[in-house]
């Protein structure tokens, strides 16, 4: 199973989008500061997880969510979550 996930940096209020075949391990790596892109943005909160059977589908979803249309979709899906952060 391959999961697309979205993390929120409590520090700078920005999101990080990634995917992994081992979600628990990957989230632990982020939390321990082992991921270059997020190590200086900790602490992190897990906001969203979407799982796929096929790795290519997960990778395509990750790329879509990083696009303009994908970010619009996330703002819609997580509207209440983002409003509560203000």
PDB file of N, CA and C in Angstrom:
ATOM      1  N   UNK A   1       0.844  -1.171   0.000  1.00  0.00           N
ATOM      2  CA  UNK A   1       0.000   0.000   0.000  1.00  0.00           C
ATOM      3  C   UNK A   1       0.898   1.245   0.000  1.00  0.00           C
ATOM      4  N   UNK A   2       0.535   2.217  -0.806  1.00  0.00           N
ATOM      5  CA  UNK A   2       1.288   3.472  -0.950  1.00  0.00           C
ATOM      6  C   UNK A   2       0.393   4.632  -0.518  1.00  0.00           C
ATOM      7  N   UNK A   3       0.925   5.455   0.347  1.00  0.00           N
ATOM      8  CA  UNK A   3       0.115   6.544   0.907  1.00  0.00           C
ATOM      9  C   UNK A   3       0.674   7.901   0.552  1.00  0.00           C
ATOM     10  N   UNK A   4      -0.223   8.777   0.163  1.00  0.00           N
ATOM     11  CA  UNK A   4       0.088  10.187  -0.025  1.00  0.00           C
ATOM     12  C   UNK A   4      -0.285  10.854   1.292  1.00  0.00           C
ATOM     13  N   UNK A   5       0.575  11.739   1.774  1.00  0.00           N
ATOM     14  CA  UNK A   5       0.308  12.367   3.062  1.00  0.00           C
ATOM     15  C   UNK A   5       0.624  13.856   3.001  1.00  0.00           C
ATOM     16  N   UNK A   6      -0.032  14.581   3.885  1.00  0.00           N
ATOM     17  CA  UNK A   6       0.205  16.015   3.987  1.00  0.00           C
ATOM     18  C   UNK A   6       0.531  16.329   5.430  1.00  0.00           C
ATOM     19  N   UNK A   7       1.657  16.983   5.620  1.00  0.00           N
ATOM     20  CA  UNK A   7       2.077  17.423   6.941  1.00  0.00           C
ATOM     21  C   UNK A   7       1.948  18.932   7.024  1.00  0.00           C
ATOM     22  N   UNK A   8       1.639  19.411   8.201  1.00  0.00           N
ATOM     23  CA  UNK A   8       1.592  20.846   8.449  1.00  0.00           C
ATOM     24  C   UNK A   8       2.697  21.198   9.432  1.00  0.00           C
ATOM     25  N   UNK A   9       3.483  22.193   9.085  1.00  0.00           N
ATOM     26  CA  UNK A   9       4.488  22.696  10.001  1.00  0.00           C
ATOM     27  C   UNK A   9       3.806  23.631  10.984  1.00  0.00           C
ATOM     28  N   UNK A  10       3.870  23.303  12.265  1.00  0.00           N
ATOM     29  CA  UNK A  10       3.312  24.170  13.302  1.00  0.00           C
ATOM     30  C   UNK A  10       4.122  25.463  13.364  1.00  0.00           C
ATOM     31  N   UNK A  11       5.381  25.358  13.012  1.00  0.00           N
ATOM     32  CA  UNK A  11       6.295  26.506  13.083  1.00  0.00           C
ATOM     33  C   UNK A  11       5.973  27.578  12.040  1.00  0.00           C
ATOM     34  N   UNK A  12       5.842  27.180  10.769  1.00  0.00           N
ATOM     35  CA  UNK A  12       5.639  28.185   9.707  1.00  0.00           C
ATOM     36  C   UNK A  12       4.269  28.096   9.025  1.00  0.00           C
ATOM     37  N   UNK A  13       3.416  27.163   9.489  1.00  0.00           N
ATOM     38  CA  UNK A  13       2.050  27.005   8.961  1.00  0.00           C
ATOM     39  C   UNK A  13       2.002  26.639   7.475  1.00  0.00           C
ATOM     40  N   UNK A  14       3.063  26.056   6.957  1.00  0.00           N
ATOM     41  CA  UNK A  14       3.097  25.611   5.565  1.00  0.00           C
ATOM     42  C   UNK A  14       2.979  24.095   5.525  1.00  0.00           C
ATOM     43  N   UNK A  15       2.541  23.598   4.366  1.00  0.00           N
ATOM     44  CA  UNK A  15       2.347  22.158   4.222  1.00  0.00           C
ATOM     45  C   UNK A  15       3.487  21.505   3.459  1.00  0.00           C
ATOM     46  N   UNK A  16       3.619  20.216   3.679  1.00  0.00           N
ATOM     47  CA  UNK A  16       4.559  19.363   2.953  1.00  0.00           C
ATOM     48  C   UNK A  16       3.745  18.189   2.438  1.00  0.00           C
ATOM     49  N   UNK A  17       3.895  17.874   1.164  1.00  0.00           N
ATOM     50  CA  UNK A  17       3.171  16.764   0.543  1.00  0.00           C
ATOM     51  C   UNK A  17       4.179  15.706   0.104  1.00  0.00           C
ATOM     52  N   UNK A  18       3.911  14.468   0.459  1.00  0.00           N
ATOM     53  CA  UNK A  18       4.808  13.385   0.065  1.00  0.00           C
ATOM     54  C   UNK A  18       4.034  12.087  -0.100  1.00  0.00           C
ATOM     55  N   UNK A  19       4.748  11.044  -0.497  1.00  0.00           N
ATOM     56  CA  UNK A  19       4.133   9.707  -0.549  1.00  0.00           C
ATOM     57  C   UNK A  19       5.158   8.685  -0.125  1.00  0.00           C
ATOM     58  N   UNK A  20       4.684   7.552   0.351  1.00  0.00           N
ATOM     59  CA  UNK A  20       5.586   6.522   0.844  1.00  0.00           C
ATOM     60  C   UNK A  20       4.897   5.163   0.821  1.00  0.00           C
ATOM     61  N   UNK A  21       5.694   4.133   0.685  1.00  0.00           N
ATOM     62  CA  UNK A  21       5.210   2.765   0.788  1.00  0.00           C
ATOM     63  C   UNK A  21       5.171   2.292   2.238  1.00  0.00           C
ATOM     64  N   UNK A  22       5.749   3.080   3.138  1.00  0.00           N
ATOM     65  CA  UNK A  22       5.737   2.755   4.565  1.00  0.00           C
ATOM     66  C   UNK A  22       5.471   4.056   5.324  1.00  0.00           C
ATOM     67  N   UNK A  23       4.200   4.367   5.492  1.00  0.00           N
ATOM     68  CA  UNK A  23       3.805   5.664   6.053  1.00  0.00           C
ATOM     69  C   UNK A  23       4.335   5.865   7.468  1.00  0.00           C
ATOM     70  N   UNK A  24       4.210   4.879   8.319  1.00  0.00           N
ATOM     71  CA  UNK A  24       4.658   5.031   9.708  1.00  0.00           C
ATOM     72  C   UNK A  24       6.141   5.366   9.775  1.00  0.00           C
ATOM     73  N   UNK A  25       6.959   4.634   9.023  1.00  0.00           N
ATOM     74  CA  UNK A  25       8.395   4.889   9.015  1.00  0.00           C
ATOM     75  C   UNK A  25       8.696   6.291   8.510  1.00  0.00           C
ATOM     76  N   UNK A  26       8.021   6.686   7.438  1.00  0.00           N
ATOM     77  CA  UNK A  26       8.282   7.991   6.831  1.00  0.00           C
ATOM     78  C   UNK A  26       7.890   9.143   7.764  1.00  0.00           C
ATOM     79  N   UNK A  27       6.751   9.014   8.428  1.00  0.00           N
ATOM     80  CA  UNK A  27       6.330  10.053   9.373  1.00  0.00           C
ATOM     81  C   UNK A  27       7.329  10.127  10.529  1.00  0.00           C
ATOM     82  N   UNK A  28       7.794   8.986  11.006  1.00  0.00           N
ATOM     83  CA  UNK A  28       8.812   8.971  12.063  1.00  0.00           C
ATOM     84  C   UNK A  28      10.087   9.685  11.609  1.00  0.00           C
ATOM     85  N   UNK A  29      10.483   9.468  10.358  1.00  0.00           N
ATOM     86  CA  UNK A  29      11.670  10.155   9.832  1.00  0.00           C
ATOM     87  C   UNK A  29      11.477  11.668   9.837  1.00  0.00           C
ATOM     88  N   UNK A  30      10.300  12.108   9.440  1.00  0.00           N
ATOM     89  CA  UNK A  30      10.004  13.545   9.462  1.00  0.00           C
ATOM     90  C   UNK A  30      10.086  14.077  10.891  1.00  0.00           C
ATOM     91  N   UNK A  31       9.447  13.386  11.819  1.00  0.00           N
ATOM     92  CA  UNK A  31       9.398  13.859  13.203  1.00  0.00           C
ATOM     93  C   UNK A  31      10.763  13.878  13.875  1.00  0.00           C
ATOM     94  N   UNK A  32      11.657  12.984  13.449  1.00  0.00           N
ATOM     95  CA  UNK A  32      13.002  12.930  14.027  1.00  0.00           C
ATOM     96  C   UNK A  32      13.975  13.900  13.351  1.00  0.00           C
ATOM     97  N   UNK A  33      13.521  14.592  12.314  1.00  0.00           N
ATOM     98  CA  UNK A  33      14.386  15.544  11.631  1.00  0.00           C
ATOM     99  C   UNK A  33      15.314  14.917  10.612  1.00  0.00           C
ATOM    100  N   UNK A  34      14.973  13.742  10.123  1.00  0.00           N
ATOM    101  CA  UNK A  34      15.820  13.033   9.166  1.00  0.00           C
ATOM    102  C   UNK A  34      15.509  13.376   7.712  1.00  0.00           C
ATOM    103  N   UNK A  35      14.488  14.198   7.481  1.00  0.00           N
ATOM    104  CA  UNK A  35      14.099  14.585   6.125  1.00  0.00           C
ATOM    105  C   UNK A  35      14.510  16.036   5.927  1.00  0.00           C
ATOM    106  N   UNK A  36      15.381  16.266   4.976  1.00  0.00           N
ATOM    107  CA  UNK A  36      15.958  17.592   4.742  1.00  0.00           C
ATOM    108  C   UNK A  36      14.886  18.677   4.569  1.00  0.00           C
ATOM    109  N   UNK A  37      13.845  18.370   3.829  1.00  0.00           N
ATOM    110  CA  UNK A  37      12.824  19.382   3.512  1.00  0.00           C
ATOM    111  C   UNK A  37      12.022  19.832   4.723  1.00  0.00           C
ATOM    112  N   UNK A  38      11.963  19.019   5.759  1.00  0.00           N
ATOM    113  CA  UNK A  38      11.130  19.373   6.913  1.00  0.00           C
ATOM    114  C   UNK A  38      11.888  19.471   8.231  1.00  0.00           C
ATOM    115  N   UNK A  39      13.156  19.180   8.236  1.00  0.00           N
ATOM    116  CA  UNK A  39      13.869  19.107   9.518  1.00  0.00           C
ATOM    117  C   UNK A  39      13.874  20.427  10.284  1.00  0.00           C
ATOM    118  N   UNK A  40      13.895  21.562   9.585  1.00  0.00           N
ATOM    119  CA  UNK A  40      13.893  22.862  10.254  1.00  0.00           C
ATOM    120  C   UNK A  40      12.497  23.434  10.415  1.00  0.00           C
ATOM    121  N   UNK A  41      11.485  22.642  10.068  1.00  0.00           N
ATOM    122  CA  UNK A  41      10.095  23.120  10.120  1.00  0.00           C
ATOM    123  C   UNK A  41       9.277  22.368  11.173  1.00  0.00           C
ATOM    124  N   UNK A  42       9.947  21.624  12.019  1.00  0.00           N
ATOM    125  CA  UNK A  42       9.267  20.870  13.068  1.00  0.00           C
ATOM    126  C   UNK A  42       8.828  21.798  14.194  1.00  0.00           C
ATOM    127  N   UNK A  43       7.776  21.434  14.923  1.00  0.00           N
ATOM    128  CA  UNK A  43       7.005  20.194  14.897  1.00  0.00           C
ATOM    129  C   UNK A  43       6.022  20.154  13.724  1.00  0.00           C
ATOM    130  N   UNK A  44       5.639  18.936  13.395  1.00  0.00           N
ATOM    131  CA  UNK A  44       4.757  18.682  12.254  1.00  0.00           C
ATOM    132  C   UNK A  44       3.498  17.952  12.710  1.00  0.00           C
ATOM    133  N   UNK A  45       2.399  18.243  12.025  1.00  0.00           N
ATOM    134  CA  UNK A  45       1.136  17.544  12.282  1.00  0.00           C
ATOM    135  C   UNK A  45       0.686  16.871  10.994  1.00  0.00           C
ATOM    136  N   UNK A  46       0.208  15.655  11.118  1.00  0.00           N
ATOM    137  CA  UNK A  46      -0.335  14.929   9.976  1.00  0.00           C
ATOM    138  C   UNK A  46      -1.761  15.402   9.732  1.00  0.00           C
ATOM    139  N   UNK A  47      -2.008  15.950   8.526  1.00  0.00           N
ATOM    140  CA  UNK A  47      -3.325  16.493   8.186  1.00  0.00           C
ATOM    141  C   UNK A  47      -4.157  15.561   7.319  1.00  0.00           C
ATOM    142  N   UNK A  48      -3.506  14.781   6.462  1.00  0.00           N
ATOM    143  CA  UNK A  48      -4.245  14.050   5.425  1.00  0.00           C
ATOM    144  C   UNK A  48      -3.460  12.820   5.014  1.00  0.00           C
ATOM    145  N   UNK A  49      -4.181  11.726   4.768  1.00  0.00           N
ATOM    146  CA  UNK A  49      -3.582  10.503   4.222  1.00  0.00           C
ATOM    147  C   UNK A  49      -4.553   9.932   3.199  1.00  0.00           C
ATOM    148  N   UNK A  50      -4.039   9.597   2.030  1.00  0.00           N
ATOM    149  CA  UNK A  50      -4.803   8.903   1.001  1.00  0.00           C
ATOM    150  C   UNK A  50      -3.980   7.711   0.545  1.00  0.00           C
ATOM    151  N   UNK A  51      -4.561   6.528   0.520  1.00  0.00           N
ATOM    152  CA  UNK A  51      -3.796   5.311   0.211  1.00  0.00           C
ATOM    153  C   UNK A  51      -4.213   4.693  -1.119  1.00  0.00           C
ATOM    154  N   UNK A  52      -3.227   4.094  -1.777  1.00  0.00           N
ATOM    155  CA  UNK A  52      -3.396   3.493  -3.099  1.00  0.00           C
ATOM    156  C   UNK A  52      -2.723   2.128  -3.117  1.00  0.00           C
ATOM    157  N   UNK A  53      -3.259   1.238  -3.919  1.00  0.00           N
ATOM    158  CA  UNK A  53      -2.650  -0.076  -4.105  1.00  0.00           C
ATOM    159  C   UNK A  53      -1.450   0.025  -5.042  1.00  0.00           C
ATOM    160  N   UNK A  54      -1.541   0.922  -6.001  1.00  0.00           N
ATOM    161  CA  UNK A  54      -0.520   1.057  -7.032  1.00  0.00           C
ATOM    162  C   UNK A  54       0.388   2.255  -6.734  1.00  0.00           C
ATOM    163  N   UNK A  55       1.695   2.041  -6.781  1.00  0.00           N
ATOM    164  CA  UNK A  55       2.654   3.103  -6.474  1.00  0.00           C
ATOM    165  C   UNK A  55       2.550   4.269  -7.458  1.00  0.00           C
ATOM    166  N   UNK A  56       2.368   3.983  -8.718  1.00  0.00           N
ATOM    167  CA  UNK A  56       2.279   5.050  -9.715  1.00  0.00           C
ATOM    168  C   UNK A  56       1.059   5.943  -9.466  1.00  0.00           C
ATOM    169  N   UNK A  57      -0.046   5.340  -9.033  1.00  0.00           N
ATOM    170  CA  UNK A  57      -1.230   6.137  -8.702  1.00  0.00           C
ATOM    171  C   UNK A  57      -0.935   7.077  -7.537  1.00  0.00           C
ATOM    172  N   UNK A  58      -0.233   6.590  -6.541  1.00  0.00           N
ATOM    173  CA  UNK A  58       0.126   7.429  -5.388  1.00  0.00           C
ATOM    174  C   UNK A  58       1.049   8.559  -5.816  1.00  0.00           C
ATOM    175  N   UNK A  59       2.017   8.241  -6.645  1.00  0.00           N
ATOM    176  CA  UNK A  59       2.964   9.260  -7.119  1.00  0.00           C
ATOM    177  C   UNK A  59       2.233  10.321  -7.943  1.00  0.00           C
ATOM    178  N   UNK A  60       1.309   9.897  -8.784  1.00  0.00           N
ATOM    179  CA  UNK A  60       0.530  10.846  -9.588  1.00  0.00           C
ATOM    180  C   UNK A  60      -0.338  11.740  -8.708  1.00  0.00           C
ATOM    181  N   UNK A  61      -0.912  11.165  -7.661  1.00  0.00           N
ATOM    182  CA  UNK A  61      -1.719  11.970  -6.734  1.00  0.00           C
ATOM    183  C   UNK A  61      -0.848  12.993  -6.010  1.00  0.00           C
ATOM    184  N   UNK A  62       0.338  12.579  -5.598  1.00  0.00           N
ATOM    185  CA  UNK A  62       1.271  13.508  -4.950  1.00  0.00           C
ATOM    186  C   UNK A  62       1.588  14.670  -5.894  1.00  0.00           C
ATOM    187  N   UNK A  63       1.898  14.369  -7.130  1.00  0.00           N
ATOM    188  CA  UNK A  63       2.217  15.423  -8.105  1.00  0.00           C
ATOM    189  C   UNK A  63       1.018  16.330  -8.350  1.00  0.00           C
ATOM    190  N   UNK A  64      -0.178  15.750  -8.423  1.00  0.00           N
ATOM    191  CA  UNK A  64      -1.379  16.554  -8.609  1.00  0.00           C
ATOM    192  C   UNK A  64      -1.594  17.502  -7.433  1.00  0.00           C
ATOM    193  N   UNK A  65      -1.454  16.990  -6.205  1.00  0.00           N
ATOM    194  CA  UNK A  65      -1.685  17.820  -5.023  1.00  0.00           C
ATOM    195  C   UNK A  65      -0.671  18.965  -4.926  1.00  0.00           C
ATOM    196  N   UNK A  66       0.486  18.795  -5.534  1.00  0.00           N
ATOM    197  CA  UNK A  66       1.498  19.852  -5.540  1.00  0.00           C
ATOM    198  C   UNK A  66       1.253  20.889  -6.635  1.00  0.00           C
ATOM    199  N   UNK A  67       0.303  20.616  -7.526  1.00  0.00           N
ATOM    200  CA  UNK A  67      -0.013  21.543  -8.617  1.00  0.00           C
ATOM    201  C   UNK A  67      -1.009  22.600  -8.130  1.00  0.00           C
ATOM    202  N   UNK A  68      -1.240  23.594  -8.950  1.00  0.00           N
ATOM    203  CA  UNK A  68      -2.201  24.641  -8.610  1.00  0.00           C
ATOM    204  C   UNK A  68      -3.596  24.110  -8.362  1.00  0.00           C
ATOM    205  N   UNK A  69      -4.076  23.264  -9.258  1.00  0.00           N
ATOM    206  CA  UNK A  69      -5.415  22.674  -9.104  1.00  0.00           C
ATOM    207  C   UNK A  69      -5.471  21.766  -7.868  1.00  0.00           C
ATOM    208  N   UNK A  70      -4.383  21.056  -7.619  1.00  0.00           N
ATOM    209  CA  UNK A  70      -4.334  20.181  -6.450  1.00  0.00           C
ATOM    210  C   UNK A  70      -4.385  20.969  -5.152  1.00  0.00           C
ATOM    211  N   UNK A  71      -3.679  22.094  -5.101  1.00  0.00           N
ATOM    212  CA  UNK A  71      -3.704  22.936  -3.893  1.00  0.00           C
ATOM    213  C   UNK A  71      -5.091  23.542  -3.692  1.00  0.00           C
ATOM    214  N   UNK A  72      -5.767  23.875  -4.791  1.00  0.00           N
ATOM    215  CA  UNK A  72      -7.158  24.358  -4.678  1.00  0.00           C
ATOM    216  C   UNK A  72      -8.040  23.270  -4.067  1.00  0.00           C
ATOM    217  N   UNK A  73      -7.858  22.036  -4.527  1.00  0.00           N
ATOM    218  CA  UNK A  73      -8.644  20.916  -4.008  1.00  0.00           C
ATOM    219  C   UNK A  73      -8.383  20.719  -2.516  1.00  0.00           C
ATOM    220  N   UNK A  74      -7.116  20.834  -2.112  1.00  0.00           N
ATOM    221  CA  UNK A  74      -6.782  20.683  -0.701  1.00  0.00           C
ATOM    222  C   UNK A  74      -7.418  21.772   0.147  1.00  0.00           C
ATOM    223  N   UNK A  75      -7.419  22.993  -0.354  1.00  0.00           N
ATOM    224  CA  UNK A  75      -8.058  24.091   0.386  1.00  0.00           C
ATOM    225  C   UNK A  75      -9.538  23.797   0.593  1.00  0.00           C
ATOM    226  N   UNK A  76     -10.166  23.182  -0.413  1.00  0.00           N
ATOM    227  CA  UNK A  76     -11.572  22.809  -0.296  1.00  0.00           C
ATOM    228  C   UNK A  76     -11.749  21.641   0.683  1.00  0.00           C
ATOM    229  N   UNK A  77     -10.956  20.587   0.527  1.00  0.00           N
ATOM    230  CA  UNK A  77     -11.084  19.399   1.373  1.00  0.00           C
ATOM    231  C   UNK A  77     -10.781  19.686   2.839  1.00  0.00           C
ATOM    232  N   UNK A  78      -9.798  20.528   3.076  1.00  0.00           N
ATOM    233  CA  UNK A  78      -9.331  20.794   4.437  1.00  0.00           C
ATOM    234  C   UNK A  78      -9.716  22.190   4.921  1.00  0.00           C
ATOM    235  N   UNK A  79     -10.774  22.718   4.372  1.00  0.00           N
ATOM    236  CA  UNK A  79     -11.204  24.081   4.678  1.00  0.00           C
ATOM    237  C   UNK A  79     -11.326  24.317   6.183  1.00  0.00           C
ATOM    238  N   UNK A  80     -12.056  23.457   6.862  1.00  0.00           N
ATOM    239  CA  UNK A  80     -12.258  23.634   8.308  1.00  0.00           C
ATOM    240  C   UNK A  80     -10.956  23.494   9.092  1.00  0.00           C
ATOM    241  N   UNK A  81     -10.112  22.595   8.666  1.00  0.00           N
ATOM    242  CA  UNK A  81      -8.817  22.416   9.320  1.00  0.00           C
ATOM    243  C   UNK A  81      -7.992  23.687   9.212  1.00  0.00           C
ATOM    244  N   UNK A  82      -7.913  24.255   8.015  1.00  0.00           N
ATOM    245  CA  UNK A  82      -7.115  25.464   7.811  1.00  0.00           C
ATOM    246  C   UNK A  82      -7.722  26.662   8.541  1.00  0.00           C
ATOM    247  N   UNK A  83      -9.049  26.747   8.599  1.00  0.00           N
ATOM    248  CA  UNK A  83      -9.701  27.857   9.304  1.00  0.00           C
ATOM    249  C   UNK A  83      -9.415  27.800  10.805  1.00  0.00           C
ATOM    250  N   UNK A  84      -9.330  26.606  11.353  1.00  0.00           N
ATOM    251  CA  UNK A  84      -9.053  26.454  12.785  1.00  0.00           C
ATOM    252  C   UNK A  84      -7.606  26.775  13.133  1.00  0.00           C
ATOM    253  N   UNK A  85      -6.737  26.872  12.145  1.00  0.00           N
ATOM    254  CA  UNK A  85      -5.330  27.206  12.389  1.00  0.00           C
ATOM    255  C   UNK A  85      -5.106  28.703  12.557  1.00  0.00           C
ATOM    256  N   UNK A  86      -6.053  29.497  12.107  1.00  0.00           N
ATOM    257  CA  UNK A  86      -5.900  30.955  12.154  1.00  0.00           C
ATOM    258  C   UNK A  86      -6.000  31.501  13.551  1.00  0.00           C
TER     259      UNK A  86
END
